[in-house]
Every structure is written in structure tokens, then in C-alpha cells.
Amino acid sequence: MRASLEIWDVASASFEVVLQSPRHIEAPNFMPDGQSLIVNCDGGLYRVPLDAPELICLNSFTHTIINNDHAPSPDGRQIAFCDKSETGKSCIYLMPATGGRPRRVTAGLPSWFHAWMPDGQAMVYACVRDGDFVIARADLEGTEEVLITGPHHYDGPDVTPDGQWIWFNSDRSGAMALWRMRPDGSDPEQMTDGSTDDWFPHPSPDGTHLCYLAYDKDTEGHPFGVDVDLCLMPQGGGAAEVLQRIHGGQGCLNSPCWAPDGARFAYIRYFEMTEEEG
């Protein structure tokens, strides 16, 4: 597959291609200054400057199985990411944004980072505890607070810029839909109707929009290598708009992806390589 790193502009309803590569790039995040993106690729983390796009490795030393759950802190000084090199299961780590030796945050296994709280003092993530899917919050020392759990799937939490809502996806209504809850886990509210299997909601920093991926109904999990809809809806709730149909799924939009001004967001689409490229 060829990965195409792209940015969608909300006002013009158009996209620009930042970089294309035969390497398996996933899950772009904007840095808080808006000047570069962070992606994972082939087990490592990379920075992509927007003024001269290329993959610049951020050295994480022995952590070489980094997945698509990562994002820079609100102040841009640290990057949270997940890796299973040390334990065989996904753990959350923090490392300097310029690269450096990571520090493990979560003790419980497995844990999948998804987003920072707006103040940068805590993070929200999905995990499995005692056999159940959980959305949890932890401070930077790893003190864990369970927000919501039960016999259903809970995944993909991300936080509104005012910190008043945590969006997530869950099948607790019988279909994989988007939900939101208060930051203490109270008042869960279904926000999409379940006509598609909706994953990875990301609220824009200006409080206006929310982007997400919609898989075809009754898709099992969030696989790679399928066609999905890239969608946009009002952050307060309402009808969703399909922006475009893209190929990929897993890896396209797993992590927080908005530019700091909320005008654009980054994503990946994938193409089959030609015989010459392969």
C-alpha cells in the first residue's frame, strides 16, 4: 500500500497532499504550533515539517513497536504514545517531543492512549481491566480513574476543547455509534444513530466540528484495508456530512488530528501500489 498524508480544509471542503510514501504511515497529529505533524511509521515516531515534508525520526531508543495511538501534549513539550516492546502488551509512555528516552505512565495492561485533557495534566485512554473494556483517565504519574466500563466495547475517547465532554465510540446500544459523557463518566449520551459503524471521534479545538470515520454497518472491529467514510458533524450534535470515501480504516484517523485553529485536520488514505512501485 502507498500511504498518502493529507490535510482537509473545512472552509473550502478540499484537501491537499502533504506527503506520499510506500512506507506504512499512520495517525497524523498536528503539533501545537501548527508547523509540523507527528505520525507513526514502521514501529517508530516521525515528525513531518509542513514547509518541507519528509519523515524525520524521533528516536525512542528501545521502543520499536509504536502503534497509532499518540499525540503531543497541549504545550508541545511531550508526546504520549503506545508501545509493547517492553511488556508484550500496549503501554502508554511519555517522551520529549524532540525525541529521547521514554517514561512509562500506565501500569495496567493493555492501555491505548487516545487524548490529552486540555490542561495537559492528564490523559484519557481505552484499556481492558478485569476482562472488560474501559475508558479511563490518568495523571502523568499514572494514577488511574475508571470513567466508564461494562460488558460493551468502549474505545476512541477524545476531549472537547473546554474539557466538558469526552467523546467516544461504543456498541452499548447494539451498534457501534458515537457517544459523549462528562469528564467524570456521568451522563453518557448517544450522538450518532448507529446506521454506520462509527469510530474515532475528534472534536476541533475551536469547538465547532467533530470528525470521525464511518465503517459500513456490521463491520467487525476497525480493520485496515477497507473503504470508509470520512465524516464531519457539529460538535454539539446534529447531522453528519460525508466528506469523502477513502481506502484504509485502521490508521487513517486514530489519534487527535486537528490543526490548532480548528480549520483543518490531517488524515491518511491508502492506495494500492503499482507494479513499478511494488
C-alpha atoms as a PDB file:
ATOM      1  CA  MET A   1       0.000   0.000   0.000  1.00  0.00           C
ATOM      2  CA  ARG A   2       1.048   3.609  -0.636  1.00  0.00           C
ATOM      3  CA  ALA A   3       0.210   5.987   2.220  1.00  0.00           C
ATOM      4  CA  SER A   4      -0.987   9.492   1.374  1.00  0.00           C
ATOM      5  CA  LEU A   5      -0.736  12.020   4.211  1.00  0.00           C
ATOM      6  CA  GLU A   6      -3.400  14.653   3.576  1.00  0.00           C
ATOM      7  CA  ILE A   7      -4.977  17.715   5.209  1.00  0.00           C
ATOM      8  CA  TRP A   8      -8.672  18.557   4.869  1.00  0.00           C
ATOM      9  CA  ASP A   9      -9.635  22.237   4.854  1.00  0.00           C
ATOM     10  CA  VAL A  10     -13.127  22.680   6.300  1.00  0.00           C
ATOM     11  CA  ALA A  11     -13.958  26.068   4.771  1.00  0.00           C
ATOM     12  CA  SER A  12     -13.054  25.129   1.198  1.00  0.00           C
ATOM     13  CA  ALA A  13     -14.141  21.471   1.505  1.00  0.00           C
ATOM     14  CA  SER A  14     -10.913  20.422  -0.190  1.00  0.00           C
ATOM     15  CA  PHE A  15      -7.713  18.584   0.666  1.00  0.00           C
ATOM     16  CA  GLU A  16      -4.013  18.917   0.000  1.00  0.00           C
ATOM     17  CA  VAL A  17      -1.497  16.102  -0.191  1.00  0.00           C
ATOM     18  CA  VAL A  18       1.418  16.652   2.195  1.00  0.00           C
ATOM     19  CA  LEU A  19       3.458  13.524   1.555  1.00  0.00           C
ATOM     20  CA  GLN A  20       3.121  10.128  -0.114  1.00  0.00           C
ATOM     21  CA  SER A  21       5.233   7.112   0.739  1.00  0.00           C
ATOM     22  CA  PRO A  22       5.390   3.343   0.196  1.00  0.00           C
ATOM     23  CA  ARG A  23       6.044   3.083   3.948  1.00  0.00           C
ATOM     24  CA  HIS A  24       3.100   2.409   6.267  1.00  0.00           C
ATOM     25  CA  ILE A  25       2.375   5.834   7.770  1.00  0.00           C
ATOM     26  CA  GLU A  26      -0.499   6.188  10.260  1.00  0.00           C
ATOM     27  CA  ALA A  27      -2.442   8.562  12.510  1.00  0.00           C
ATOM     28  CA  PRO A  28      -1.217  12.147  11.953  1.00  0.00           C
ATOM     29  CA  ASN A  29      -1.287  14.698  14.796  1.00  0.00           C
ATOM     30  CA  PHE A  30      -0.668  18.416  14.391  1.00  0.00           C
ATOM     31  CA  MET A  31       1.959  19.857  16.701  1.00  0.00           C
ATOM     32  CA  PRO A  32       0.514  22.741  18.779  1.00  0.00           C
ATOM     33  CA  ASP A  33       2.404  25.331  16.722  1.00  0.00           C
ATOM     34  CA  GLY A  34       0.715  24.051  13.557  1.00  0.00           C
ATOM     35  CA  GLN A  35       4.038  23.833  11.720  1.00  0.00           C
ATOM     36  CA  SER A  36       4.511  20.062  11.609  1.00  0.00           C
ATOM     37  CA  LEU A  37       2.766  16.715  12.012  1.00  0.00           C
ATOM     38  CA  ILE A  38       3.592  13.643  14.086  1.00  0.00           C
ATOM     39  CA  VAL A  39       2.963  10.201  12.575  1.00  0.00           C
ATOM     40  CA  ASN A  40       3.910   6.638  13.356  1.00  0.00           C
ATOM     41  CA  CYS A  41       5.614   4.555  10.697  1.00  0.00           C
ATOM     42  CA  ASP A  42       7.108   1.058  10.784  1.00  0.00           C
ATOM     43  CA  GLY A  43       7.134   0.968  14.593  1.00  0.00           C
ATOM     44  CA  GLY A  44       8.633   4.427  15.153  1.00  0.00           C
ATOM     45  CA  LEU A  45       7.518   8.036  15.587  1.00  0.00           C
ATOM     46  CA  TYR A  46       8.301  10.661  12.969  1.00  0.00           C
ATOM     47  CA  ARG A  47       7.902  14.413  12.545  1.00  0.00           C
ATOM     48  CA  VAL A  48       6.813  15.834   9.189  1.00  0.00           C
ATOM     49  CA  PRO A  49       7.553  19.577   8.725  1.00  0.00           C
ATOM     50  CA  LEU A  50       4.822  21.142   6.597  1.00  0.00           C
ATOM     51  CA  ASP A  51       7.160  23.615   4.885  1.00  0.00           C
ATOM     52  CA  ALA A  52       9.438  20.821   3.611  1.00  0.00           C
ATOM     53  CA  PRO A  53       7.640  17.491   4.116  1.00  0.00           C
ATOM     54  CA  GLU A  54       9.793  14.479   4.941  1.00  0.00           C
ATOM     55  CA  LEU A  55       9.820  11.764   7.603  1.00  0.00           C
ATOM     56  CA  ILE A  56      12.205  12.787  10.410  1.00  0.00           C
ATOM     57  CA  CYS A  57      12.686  10.049  13.013  1.00  0.00           C
ATOM     58  CA  LEU A  58      12.119  10.891  16.682  1.00  0.00           C
ATOM     59  CA  ASN A  59      14.439   8.499  18.492  1.00  0.00           C
ATOM     60  CA  SER A  60      12.637   6.480  21.165  1.00  0.00           C
ATOM     61  CA  PHE A  61      15.619   4.160  21.824  1.00  0.00           C
ATOM     62  CA  THR A  62      14.367   0.622  22.580  1.00  0.00           C
ATOM     63  CA  HIS A  63      10.689   1.271  21.797  1.00  0.00           C
ATOM     64  CA  THR A  64      10.236  -0.039  18.275  1.00  0.00           C
ATOM     65  CA  ILE A  65       6.638  -1.331  18.203  1.00  0.00           C
ATOM     66  CA  ILE A  66       4.910   2.050  18.455  1.00  0.00           C
ATOM     67  CA  ASN A  67       1.320   1.968  17.204  1.00  0.00           C
ATOM     68  CA  ASN A  68      -1.156   4.601  16.025  1.00  0.00           C
ATOM     69  CA  ASP A  69      -2.215   5.840  19.491  1.00  0.00           C
ATOM     70  CA  HIS A  70      -0.175   9.001  20.108  1.00  0.00           C
ATOM     71  CA  ALA A  71      -0.369  12.794  20.368  1.00  0.00           C
ATOM     72  CA  PRO A  72       1.731  15.755  21.522  1.00  0.00           C
ATOM     73  CA  SER A  73       0.868  17.451  24.810  1.00  0.00           C
ATOM     74  CA  PRO A  74      -1.016  20.780  24.603  1.00  0.00           C
ATOM     75  CA  ASP A  75       2.206  22.695  25.321  1.00  0.00           C
ATOM     76  CA  GLY A  76       4.102  20.717  22.678  1.00  0.00           C
ATOM     77  CA  ARG A  77       6.832  19.590  25.058  1.00  0.00           C
ATOM     78  CA  GLN A  78       5.961  15.873  25.280  1.00  0.00           C
ATOM     79  CA  ILE A  79       4.466  13.135  23.131  1.00  0.00           C
ATOM     80  CA  ALA A  80       2.293  10.389  24.579  1.00  0.00           C
ATOM     81  CA  PHE A  81       2.457   7.130  22.665  1.00  0.00           C
ATOM     82  CA  CYS A  82       1.816   3.397  22.989  1.00  0.00           C
ATOM     83  CA  ASP A  83       4.305   0.590  22.544  1.00  0.00           C
ATOM     84  CA  LYS A  84       4.514  -3.082  23.532  1.00  0.00           C
ATOM     85  CA  SER A  85       8.270  -3.695  23.221  1.00  0.00           C
ATOM     86  CA  GLU A  86       8.745  -3.838  26.990  1.00  0.00           C
ATOM     87  CA  THR A  87       5.741  -5.891  28.120  1.00  0.00           C
ATOM     88  CA  GLY A  88       4.237  -7.574  25.054  1.00  0.00           C
ATOM     89  CA  LYS A  89       1.039  -5.562  25.558  1.00  0.00           C
ATOM     90  CA  SER A  90       0.288  -1.931  24.826  1.00  0.00           C
ATOM     91  CA  CYS A  91       1.510   0.549  27.466  1.00  0.00           C
ATOM     92  CA  ILE A  92       1.380   4.348  27.487  1.00  0.00           C
ATOM     93  CA  TYR A  93       4.664   6.271  27.559  1.00  0.00           C
ATOM     94  CA  LEU A  94       5.778   9.893  27.554  1.00  0.00           C
ATOM     95  CA  MET A  95       8.848  11.156  25.713  1.00  0.00           C
ATOM     96  CA  PRO A  96      10.275  14.603  24.865  1.00  0.00           C
ATOM     97  CA  ALA A  97       8.757  15.984  21.670  1.00  0.00           C
ATOM     98  CA  THR A  98      12.228  16.276  20.149  1.00  0.00           C
ATOM     99  CA  GLY A  99      12.920  12.589  20.819  1.00  0.00           C
ATOM    100  CA  GLY A 100      14.506  10.952  23.822  1.00  0.00           C
ATOM    101  CA  ARG A 101      14.191   8.196  26.366  1.00  0.00           C
ATOM    102  CA  PRO A 102      10.520   7.432  27.166  1.00  0.00           C
ATOM    103  CA  ARG A 103       8.968   7.089  30.606  1.00  0.00           C
ATOM    104  CA  ARG A 104       6.212   4.536  31.162  1.00  0.00           C
ATOM    105  CA  VAL A 105       2.996   6.033  32.575  1.00  0.00           C
ATOM    106  CA  THR A 106       0.394   3.266  32.864  1.00  0.00           C
ATOM    107  CA  ALA A 107       0.898   0.174  34.992  1.00  0.00           C
ATOM    108  CA  GLY A 108      -2.245  -1.650  33.836  1.00  0.00           C
ATOM    109  CA  LEU A 109      -2.132  -3.745  30.657  1.00  0.00           C
ATOM    110  CA  PRO A 110      -3.207  -3.245  27.976  1.00  0.00           C
ATOM    111  CA  SER A 111      -3.730   0.535  27.687  1.00  0.00           C
ATOM    112  CA  TRP A 112      -4.224   2.532  24.483  1.00  0.00           C
ATOM    113  CA  PHE A 113      -3.651   6.292  24.643  1.00  0.00           C
ATOM    114  CA  HIS A 114      -6.181   8.487  22.851  1.00  0.00           C
ATOM    115  CA  ALA A 115      -6.132  12.119  24.004  1.00  0.00           C
ATOM    116  CA  TRP A 116      -4.852  14.721  26.437  1.00  0.00           C
ATOM    117  CA  MET A 117      -7.056  16.704  28.767  1.00  0.00           C
ATOM    118  CA  PRO A 118      -6.907  20.387  27.736  1.00  0.00           C
ATOM    119  CA  ASP A 119      -4.737  21.390  30.714  1.00  0.00           C
ATOM    120  CA  GLY A 120      -2.083  18.827  29.792  1.00  0.00           C
ATOM    121  CA  GLN A 121      -2.104  17.346  33.302  1.00  0.00           C
ATOM    122  CA  ALA A 122      -3.999  14.147  32.464  1.00  0.00           C
ATOM    123  CA  MET A 123      -4.838  11.870  29.562  1.00  0.00           C
ATOM    124  CA  VAL A 124      -7.776   9.690  28.558  1.00  0.00           C
ATOM    125  CA  TYR A 125      -7.401   6.248  27.074  1.00  0.00           C
ATOM    126  CA  ALA A 126      -9.050   2.918  26.367  1.00  0.00           C
ATOM    127  CA  CYS A 127      -7.959  -0.178  28.243  1.00  0.00           C
ATOM    128  CA  VAL A 128      -9.041  -3.624  29.392  1.00  0.00           C
ATOM    129  CA  ARG A 129      -9.381  -4.234  33.121  1.00  0.00           C
ATOM    130  CA  ASP A 130     -10.656  -7.491  34.620  1.00  0.00           C
ATOM    131  CA  GLY A 131     -11.830  -8.599  31.191  1.00  0.00           C
ATOM    132  CA  ASP A 132     -13.955  -5.523  30.462  1.00  0.00           C
ATOM    133  CA  PHE A 133     -13.342  -2.631  28.095  1.00  0.00           C
ATOM    134  CA  VAL A 134     -12.800   0.622  29.974  1.00  0.00           C
ATOM    135  CA  ILE A 135     -12.342   4.295  29.245  1.00  0.00           C
ATOM    136  CA  ALA A 136     -10.067   5.728  31.920  1.00  0.00           C
ATOM    137  CA  ARG A 137      -8.206   8.872  32.840  1.00  0.00           C
ATOM    138  CA  ALA A 138      -4.772   9.093  34.450  1.00  0.00           C
ATOM    139  CA  ASP A 139      -2.499  11.869  35.607  1.00  0.00           C
ATOM    140  CA  LEU A 140       1.075  11.989  34.359  1.00  0.00           C
ATOM    141  CA  GLU A 141       2.234   9.701  37.161  1.00  0.00           C
ATOM    142  CA  GLY A 142      -0.235   7.014  36.059  1.00  0.00           C
ATOM    143  CA  THR A 143      -2.876   7.267  38.796  1.00  0.00           C
ATOM    144  CA  GLU A 144      -5.863   5.694  37.053  1.00  0.00           C
ATOM    145  CA  GLU A 145      -9.548   6.610  37.333  1.00  0.00           C
ATOM    146  CA  VAL A 146     -12.155   4.443  35.578  1.00  0.00           C
ATOM    147  CA  LEU A 147     -14.720   6.641  33.808  1.00  0.00           C
ATOM    148  CA  ILE A 148     -16.958   4.070  32.128  1.00  0.00           C
ATOM    149  CA  THR A 149     -16.914   0.283  31.797  1.00  0.00           C
ATOM    150  CA  GLY A 150     -19.182  -2.706  31.397  1.00  0.00           C
ATOM    151  CA  PRO A 151     -19.945  -5.627  29.084  1.00  0.00           C
ATOM    152  CA  HIS A 152     -19.732  -3.490  25.924  1.00  0.00           C
ATOM    153  CA  HIS A 153     -16.904  -2.133  23.785  1.00  0.00           C
ATOM    154  CA  TYR A 154     -15.613   1.323  24.770  1.00  0.00           C
ATOM    155  CA  ASP A 155     -12.935   2.968  22.649  1.00  0.00           C
ATOM    156  CA  GLY A 156     -11.581   6.102  20.988  1.00  0.00           C
ATOM    157  CA  PRO A 157     -12.027   8.794  23.668  1.00  0.00           C
ATOM    158  CA  ASP A 158     -11.221  12.401  22.783  1.00  0.00           C
ATOM    159  CA  VAL A 159     -11.969  15.593  24.691  1.00  0.00           C
ATOM    160  CA  THR A 160     -13.727  18.823  23.720  1.00  0.00           C
ATOM    161  CA  PRO A 161     -11.545  21.941  23.996  1.00  0.00           C
ATOM    162  CA  ASP A 162     -13.450  23.220  27.046  1.00  0.00           C
ATOM    163  CA  GLY A 163     -12.923  19.883  28.817  1.00  0.00           C
ATOM    164  CA  GLN A 164     -16.661  19.482  29.418  1.00  0.00           C
ATOM    165  CA  TRP A 165     -17.248  16.393  27.257  1.00  0.00           C
ATOM    166  CA  ILE A 166     -15.382  13.221  26.395  1.00  0.00           C
ATOM    167  CA  TRP A 167     -16.488  11.728  23.093  1.00  0.00           C
ATOM    168  CA  PHE A 168     -16.001   8.019  22.435  1.00  0.00           C
ATOM    169  CA  ASN A 169     -17.356   5.128  20.385  1.00  0.00           C
ATOM    170  CA  SER A 170     -19.265   2.210  21.869  1.00  0.00           C
ATOM    171  CA  ASP A 171     -21.646  -0.585  20.925  1.00  0.00           C
ATOM    172  CA  ARG A 172     -23.614  -0.238  24.182  1.00  0.00           C
ATOM    173  CA  SER A 173     -26.801   0.489  22.177  1.00  0.00           C
ATOM    174  CA  GLY A 174     -26.296  -2.575  19.964  1.00  0.00           C
ATOM    175  CA  ALA A 175     -24.486  -0.728  17.159  1.00  0.00           C
ATOM    176  CA  MET A 176     -21.076   0.948  17.111  1.00  0.00           C
ATOM    177  CA  ALA A 177     -22.026   4.610  17.473  1.00  0.00           C
ATOM    178  CA  LEU A 178     -20.513   7.829  18.783  1.00  0.00           C
ATOM    179  CA  TRP A 179     -21.257   8.841  22.357  1.00  0.00           C
ATOM    180  CA  ARG A 180     -20.224  11.565  24.744  1.00  0.00           C
ATOM    181  CA  MET A 181     -20.049  11.761  28.531  1.00  0.00           C
ATOM    182  CA  ARG A 182     -18.990  14.221  31.178  1.00  0.00           C
ATOM    183  CA  PRO A 183     -15.318  14.120  32.243  1.00  0.00           C
ATOM    184  CA  ASP A 184     -16.257  12.160  35.372  1.00  0.00           C
ATOM    185  CA  GLY A 185     -18.026   9.494  33.262  1.00  0.00           C
ATOM    186  CA  SER A 186     -21.561  10.690  34.020  1.00  0.00           C
ATOM    187  CA  ASP A 187     -24.412  11.459  31.589  1.00  0.00           C
ATOM    188  CA  PRO A 188     -23.467   9.178  28.662  1.00  0.00           C
ATOM    189  CA  GLU A 189     -25.395  10.278  25.579  1.00  0.00           C
ATOM    190  CA  GLN A 190     -25.577   8.619  22.148  1.00  0.00           C
ATOM    191  CA  MET A 191     -24.720  11.117  19.386  1.00  0.00           C
ATOM    192  CA  THR A 192     -24.983   9.099  16.129  1.00  0.00           C
ATOM    193  CA  ASP A 193     -27.787   6.742  15.168  1.00  0.00           C
ATOM    194  CA  GLY A 194     -25.818   3.566  14.503  1.00  0.00           C
ATOM    195  CA  SER A 195     -26.707   3.349  10.805  1.00  0.00           C
ATOM    196  CA  THR A 196     -22.959   3.054  10.173  1.00  0.00           C
ATOM    197  CA  ASP A 197     -20.216   1.752  12.467  1.00  0.00           C
ATOM    198  CA  ASP A 198     -18.671   4.983  13.747  1.00  0.00           C
ATOM    199  CA  TRP A 199     -15.155   5.207  15.208  1.00  0.00           C
ATOM    200  CA  PHE A 200     -12.564   7.691  16.467  1.00  0.00           C
ATOM    201  CA  PRO A 201     -14.396  10.980  17.109  1.00  0.00           C
ATOM    202  CA  HIS A 202     -12.148  14.051  17.241  1.00  0.00           C
ATOM    203  CA  PRO A 203     -13.536  17.436  18.397  1.00  0.00           C
ATOM    204  CA  SER A 204     -11.997  20.506  16.773  1.00  0.00           C
ATOM    205  CA  PRO A 205     -10.061  22.952  19.012  1.00  0.00           C
ATOM    206  CA  ASP A 206     -12.407  25.823  18.096  1.00  0.00           C
ATOM    207  CA  GLY A 207     -15.429  23.948  19.488  1.00  0.00           C
ATOM    208  CA  THR A 208     -17.223  23.842  16.148  1.00  0.00           C
ATOM    209  CA  HIS A 209     -16.803  20.483  14.427  1.00  0.00           C
ATOM    210  CA  LEU A 210     -16.063  16.831  15.044  1.00  0.00           C
ATOM    211  CA  CYS A 211     -14.522  14.462  12.503  1.00  0.00           C
ATOM    212  CA  TYR A 212     -14.703  10.675  12.574  1.00  0.00           C
ATOM    213  CA  LEU A 213     -14.587   7.507  10.465  1.00  0.00           C
ATOM    214  CA  ALA A 214     -17.725   5.610   9.459  1.00  0.00           C
ATOM    215  CA  TYR A 215     -17.320   1.960   8.532  1.00  0.00           C
ATOM    216  CA  ASP A 216     -20.047   0.079   6.719  1.00  0.00           C
ATOM    217  CA  LYS A 217     -22.702  -1.364   9.020  1.00  0.00           C
ATOM    218  CA  ASP A 218     -21.772  -4.583  10.852  1.00  0.00           C
ATOM    219  CA  THR A 219     -18.042  -4.296  10.182  1.00  0.00           C
ATOM    220  CA  GLU A 220     -16.163  -6.326  12.777  1.00  0.00           C
ATOM    221  CA  GLY A 221     -13.827  -4.048  14.705  1.00  0.00           C
ATOM    222  CA  HIS A 222     -11.927  -1.293  12.904  1.00  0.00           C
ATOM    223  CA  PRO A 223      -9.923  -3.171  10.254  1.00  0.00           C
ATOM    224  CA  PHE A 224      -7.329  -1.896   7.816  1.00  0.00           C
ATOM    225  CA  GLY A 225      -7.739  -2.269   4.072  1.00  0.00           C
ATOM    226  CA  VAL A 226     -11.401  -1.348   3.626  1.00  0.00           C
ATOM    227  CA  ASP A 227     -13.288   1.658   2.269  1.00  0.00           C
ATOM    228  CA  VAL A 228     -14.605   4.063   4.921  1.00  0.00           C
ATOM    229  CA  ASP A 229     -16.349   7.440   5.005  1.00  0.00           C
ATOM    230  CA  LEU A 230     -14.505  10.464   6.356  1.00  0.00           C
ATOM    231  CA  CYS A 231     -17.238  12.388   8.183  1.00  0.00           C
ATOM    232  CA  LEU A 232     -17.803  15.782   9.798  1.00  0.00           C
ATOM    233  CA  MET A 233     -20.576  16.792  12.203  1.00  0.00           C
ATOM    234  CA  PRO A 234     -21.351  19.690  14.561  1.00  0.00           C
ATOM    235  CA  GLN A 235     -19.551  19.305  17.884  1.00  0.00           C
ATOM    236  CA  GLY A 236     -22.775  19.915  19.762  1.00  0.00           C
ATOM    237  CA  GLY A 237     -24.558  17.163  17.832  1.00  0.00           C
ATOM    238  CA  GLY A 238     -26.547  17.055  14.609  1.00  0.00           C
ATOM    239  CA  ALA A 239     -26.463  15.663  11.101  1.00  0.00           C
ATOM    240  CA  ALA A 240     -23.159  14.363   9.785  1.00  0.00           C
ATOM    241  CA  GLU A 241     -21.689  15.123   6.373  1.00  0.00           C
ATOM    242  CA  VAL A 242     -19.670  12.570   4.418  1.00  0.00           C
ATOM    243  CA  LEU A 243     -16.614  14.458   3.159  1.00  0.00           C
ATOM    244  CA  GLN A 244     -15.191  11.662   1.035  1.00  0.00           C
ATOM    245  CA  ARG A 245     -14.881   7.912   0.708  1.00  0.00           C
ATOM    246  CA  ILE A 246     -11.300   6.794   1.337  1.00  0.00           C
ATOM    247  CA  HIS A 247      -9.459   3.487   1.491  1.00  0.00           C
ATOM    248  CA  GLY A 248      -7.857   2.432   4.748  1.00  0.00           C
ATOM    249  CA  GLY A 249      -9.766   2.373   8.029  1.00  0.00           C
ATOM    250  CA  GLN A 250      -7.310   1.483  10.769  1.00  0.00           C
ATOM    251  CA  GLY A 251      -4.516   4.062  10.707  1.00  0.00           C
ATOM    252  CA  CYS A 252      -6.446   6.803   8.892  1.00  0.00           C
ATOM    253  CA  LEU A 253      -7.724   8.819  11.846  1.00  0.00           C
ATOM    254  CA  ASN A 254      -6.972   7.016  15.128  1.00  0.00           C
ATOM    255  CA  SER A 255      -5.477   9.938  17.057  1.00  0.00           C
ATOM    256  CA  PRO A 256      -6.236  13.654  17.617  1.00  0.00           C
ATOM    257  CA  CYS A 257      -5.759  15.206  14.197  1.00  0.00           C
ATOM    258  CA  TRP A 258      -6.912  18.849  14.162  1.00  0.00           C
ATOM    259  CA  ALA A 259      -4.807  21.919  13.451  1.00  0.00           C
ATOM    260  CA  PRO A 260      -4.668  24.294  16.454  1.00  0.00           C
ATOM    261  CA  ASP A 261      -7.093  26.775  14.856  1.00  0.00           C
ATOM    262  CA  GLY A 262      -9.710  24.104  14.092  1.00  0.00           C
ATOM    263  CA  ALA A 263      -9.745  24.996  10.394  1.00  0.00           C
ATOM    264  CA  ARG A 264      -8.075  21.802   9.122  1.00  0.00           C
ATOM    265  CA  PHE A 265      -7.435  18.217  10.127  1.00  0.00           C
ATOM    266  CA  ALA A 266      -4.944  15.605   8.942  1.00  0.00           C
ATOM    267  CA  TYR A 267      -5.603  12.008   7.961  1.00  0.00           C
ATOM    268  CA  ILE A 268      -4.142   9.163   5.909  1.00  0.00           C
ATOM    269  CA  ARG A 269      -5.593   7.445   2.889  1.00  0.00           C
ATOM    270  CA  TYR A 270      -4.072   4.384   1.272  1.00  0.00           C
ATOM    271  CA  PHE A 271      -3.676   3.281  -2.341  1.00  0.00           C
ATOM    272  CA  GLU A 272      -2.610   0.020  -3.922  1.00  0.00           C
ATOM    273  CA  MET A 273       0.917   0.404  -5.259  1.00  0.00           C
ATOM    274  CA  THR A 274       1.612  -0.045  -8.952  1.00  0.00           C
ATOM    275  CA  GLU A 275       3.760  -2.920 -10.201  1.00  0.00           C
ATOM    276  CA  GLU A 276       6.655  -0.480 -10.637  1.00  0.00           C
ATOM    277  CA  GLU A 277       6.328   0.691  -7.007  1.00  0.00           C
ATOM    278  CA  GLY A 278       5.853  -2.820  -5.617  1.00  0.00           C
END
